[in-house]
Amino acid sequence: MSDMYIKSGRINLEGAKKLAEAARAEAQKRNLPGAVAIVDDGCNLVYLERWDGTMPNAPKIAINKAASAVGFGRPTIKLEDVILDGRTPMLSLTNTIDFAALKGGYPIEIEGMVVGGIAVAGALTGENDEILARAAIQILNK
């Protein structure tokens, strides 16, 4: 993804829309509902879409996943794995920060710098959320 999608070290609106477009295209190809959220490096919402047929809470979950990916600097599947491996006290973080340790959230990294985060929620399974979010992230390598 070109530098024109970054401003002052953050994903900009144009870049966020391109990522959402890639996630939506993959969802349409697979006939999946969902919501996609893109946040900047400070976990602030830049762009959000909720596609037809998606459960009402999906946008909020997607925002929290994207913010978690940025805040922890890693894909949210890693956070989910930590909890599944027994570190359940991490669940208490939901009382203090917008936190979602569920598959489907990724930091957006350009040249080794986290410039934002993206997440998909509501695509019927965590695996589908992962597939759609990764499809969007793939455009960074083009």
Protein backbone atom coordinates (compact mmCIF):
# COMPACT_ATOMS: atom_id res chain seq x y z
CA MET A 1 0.00 0.00 0.00
CA SER A 2 1.34 3.36 -1.00
CA ASP A 3 2.47 6.07 1.39
CA MET A 4 -0.48 8.10 0.15
CA TYR A 5 -2.62 6.02 2.54
CA ILE A 6 -0.67 7.20 5.56
CA LYS A 7 -0.52 10.66 7.07
CA SER A 8 1.66 11.55 10.04
CA GLY A 9 2.33 7.87 10.76
CA ARG A 10 -1.38 6.94 10.76
CA ILE A 11 -3.67 5.20 8.32
CA ASN A 12 -5.79 7.83 6.59
CA LEU A 13 -9.39 7.66 5.39
CA GLU A 14 -8.46 6.73 1.83
CA GLY A 15 -6.27 3.87 3.02
CA ALA A 16 -8.95 2.69 5.45
CA LYS A 17 -11.54 2.62 2.66
CA LYS A 18 -9.19 0.55 0.45
CA LEU A 19 -8.74 -2.01 3.22
CA ALA A 20 -12.49 -2.16 3.87
CA GLU A 21 -13.12 -2.58 0.15
CA ALA A 22 -10.81 -5.61 0.05
CA ALA A 23 -12.54 -7.19 3.06
CA ARG A 24 -15.99 -6.51 1.57
CA ALA A 25 -14.98 -8.00 -1.80
CA GLU A 26 -13.86 -11.22 -0.09
CA ALA A 27 -17.08 -11.32 1.96
CA GLN A 28 -19.17 -10.92 -1.19
CA LYS A 29 -17.20 -13.67 -2.93
CA ARG A 30 -17.95 -15.99 0.01
CA ASN A 31 -21.51 -14.71 0.55
CA LEU A 32 -20.76 -13.71 4.16
CA PRO A 33 -22.16 -10.97 6.36
CA GLY A 34 -19.88 -8.93 8.57
CA ALA A 35 -18.61 -5.59 9.72
CA VAL A 36 -15.15 -4.16 9.18
CA ALA A 37 -13.50 -1.50 11.35
CA ILE A 38 -10.25 0.36 10.78
CA VAL A 39 -8.64 2.35 13.59
CA ASP A 40 -5.55 4.53 13.61
CA ASP A 41 -2.41 4.00 15.70
CA GLY A 42 -4.16 5.58 18.71
CA CYS A 43 -7.11 3.15 18.46
CA ASN A 44 -9.42 5.88 17.15
CA LEU A 45 -12.02 4.82 14.61
CA VAL A 46 -11.19 5.90 11.06
CA TYR A 47 -13.72 3.86 9.07
CA LEU A 48 -16.54 1.40 9.74
CA GLU A 49 -18.88 -0.63 7.54
CA ARG A 50 -21.68 -3.00 8.50
CA TRP A 51 -22.84 -5.13 5.60
CA ASP A 52 -26.41 -6.23 5.00
CA GLY A 53 -27.51 -9.20 7.10
CA THR A 54 -24.91 -8.66 9.81
CA MET A 55 -25.78 -8.98 13.50
CA PRO A 56 -26.25 -5.62 15.27
CA ASN A 57 -23.28 -5.99 17.66
CA ALA A 58 -20.73 -6.80 14.95
CA PRO A 59 -19.58 -3.18 14.40
CA LYS A 60 -18.80 -2.67 18.11
CA ILE A 61 -16.95 -5.99 18.26
CA ALA A 62 -14.96 -5.13 15.13
CA ILE A 63 -13.93 -1.76 16.59
CA ASN A 64 -12.77 -3.42 19.82
CA LYS A 65 -10.86 -6.11 17.93
CA ALA A 66 -9.08 -3.52 15.78
CA ALA A 67 -8.21 -1.44 18.86
CA SER A 68 -6.94 -4.56 20.65
CA ALA A 69 -4.72 -5.45 17.69
CA VAL A 70 -3.17 -1.96 17.78
CA GLY A 71 -2.92 -1.72 21.56
CA PHE A 72 -1.19 -5.07 21.90
CA GLY A 73 0.68 -4.86 18.61
CA ARG A 74 -0.35 -8.34 17.50
CA PRO A 75 -3.20 -10.20 15.83
CA THR A 76 -6.14 -10.77 18.15
CA ILE A 77 -5.99 -14.51 17.51
CA LYS A 78 -2.82 -14.42 19.65
CA LEU A 79 -4.78 -12.78 22.48
CA GLU A 80 -7.54 -15.36 22.15
CA ASP A 81 -4.94 -18.14 22.31
CA VAL A 82 -3.42 -16.68 25.51
CA ILE A 83 -6.83 -16.76 27.19
CA LEU A 84 -7.65 -20.25 25.89
CA ASP A 85 -4.29 -21.38 27.26
CA GLY A 86 -5.46 -20.38 30.75
CA ARG A 87 -4.59 -16.72 31.23
CA THR A 88 -8.20 -15.87 32.02
CA PRO A 89 -7.36 -12.80 34.16
CA MET A 90 -6.87 -11.00 30.83
CA LEU A 91 -10.65 -11.02 30.54
CA SER A 92 -10.75 -8.40 33.29
CA LEU A 93 -9.30 -5.92 30.78
CA THR A 94 -12.78 -5.44 29.35
CA ASN A 95 -13.49 -3.36 32.46
CA THR A 96 -10.73 -0.86 31.69
CA ILE A 97 -10.15 -0.76 27.91
CA ASP A 98 -11.99 -1.56 24.69
CA PHE A 99 -10.78 -5.13 24.44
CA ALA A 100 -11.82 -8.07 22.30
CA ALA A 101 -9.60 -11.15 22.34
CA LEU A 102 -11.32 -12.78 19.39
CA LYS A 103 -10.03 -13.89 16.00
CA GLY A 104 -10.19 -11.39 13.17
CA GLY A 105 -8.14 -8.35 14.23
CA TYR A 106 -4.73 -7.30 12.88
CA PRO A 107 -2.35 -4.42 13.32
CA ILE A 108 -1.74 -2.54 10.08
CA GLU A 109 2.01 -2.38 9.66
CA ILE A 110 3.87 -0.45 7.01
CA GLU A 111 7.66 -0.57 6.93
CA GLY A 112 7.72 -2.05 10.41
CA MET A 113 5.55 0.68 11.92
CA VAL A 114 2.03 0.11 13.26
CA VAL A 115 -0.14 2.75 11.57
CA GLY A 116 -3.51 1.35 12.58
CA GLY A 117 -5.58 -1.79 12.98
CA ILE A 118 -8.27 -3.64 11.08
CA ALA A 119 -10.83 -6.17 12.22
CA VAL A 120 -13.82 -8.05 10.92
CA ALA A 121 -16.65 -9.37 13.09
CA GLY A 122 -19.98 -11.00 12.43
CA ALA A 123 -18.92 -13.23 9.52
CA LEU A 124 -20.60 -16.23 11.20
CA THR A 125 -17.38 -17.81 12.57
CA GLY A 126 -14.07 -16.63 13.95
CA GLU A 127 -12.35 -18.40 11.06
CA ASN A 128 -14.40 -16.37 8.57
CA ASP A 129 -13.54 -13.15 10.43
CA GLU A 130 -9.87 -14.14 10.08
CA ILE A 131 -10.18 -14.88 6.36
CA LEU A 132 -11.80 -11.53 5.60
CA ALA A 133 -9.37 -9.50 7.71
CA ARG A 134 -6.37 -11.28 6.18
CA ALA A 135 -7.74 -10.66 2.68
CA ALA A 136 -7.69 -6.94 3.45
CA ILE A 137 -4.20 -7.06 4.96
CA GLN A 138 -2.93 -8.78 1.80
CA ILE A 139 -3.33 -5.57 -0.21
CA LEU A 140 -0.51 -4.10 1.88
CA ASN A 141 1.87 -6.47 0.10
CA LYS A 142 0.84 -5.37 -3.40
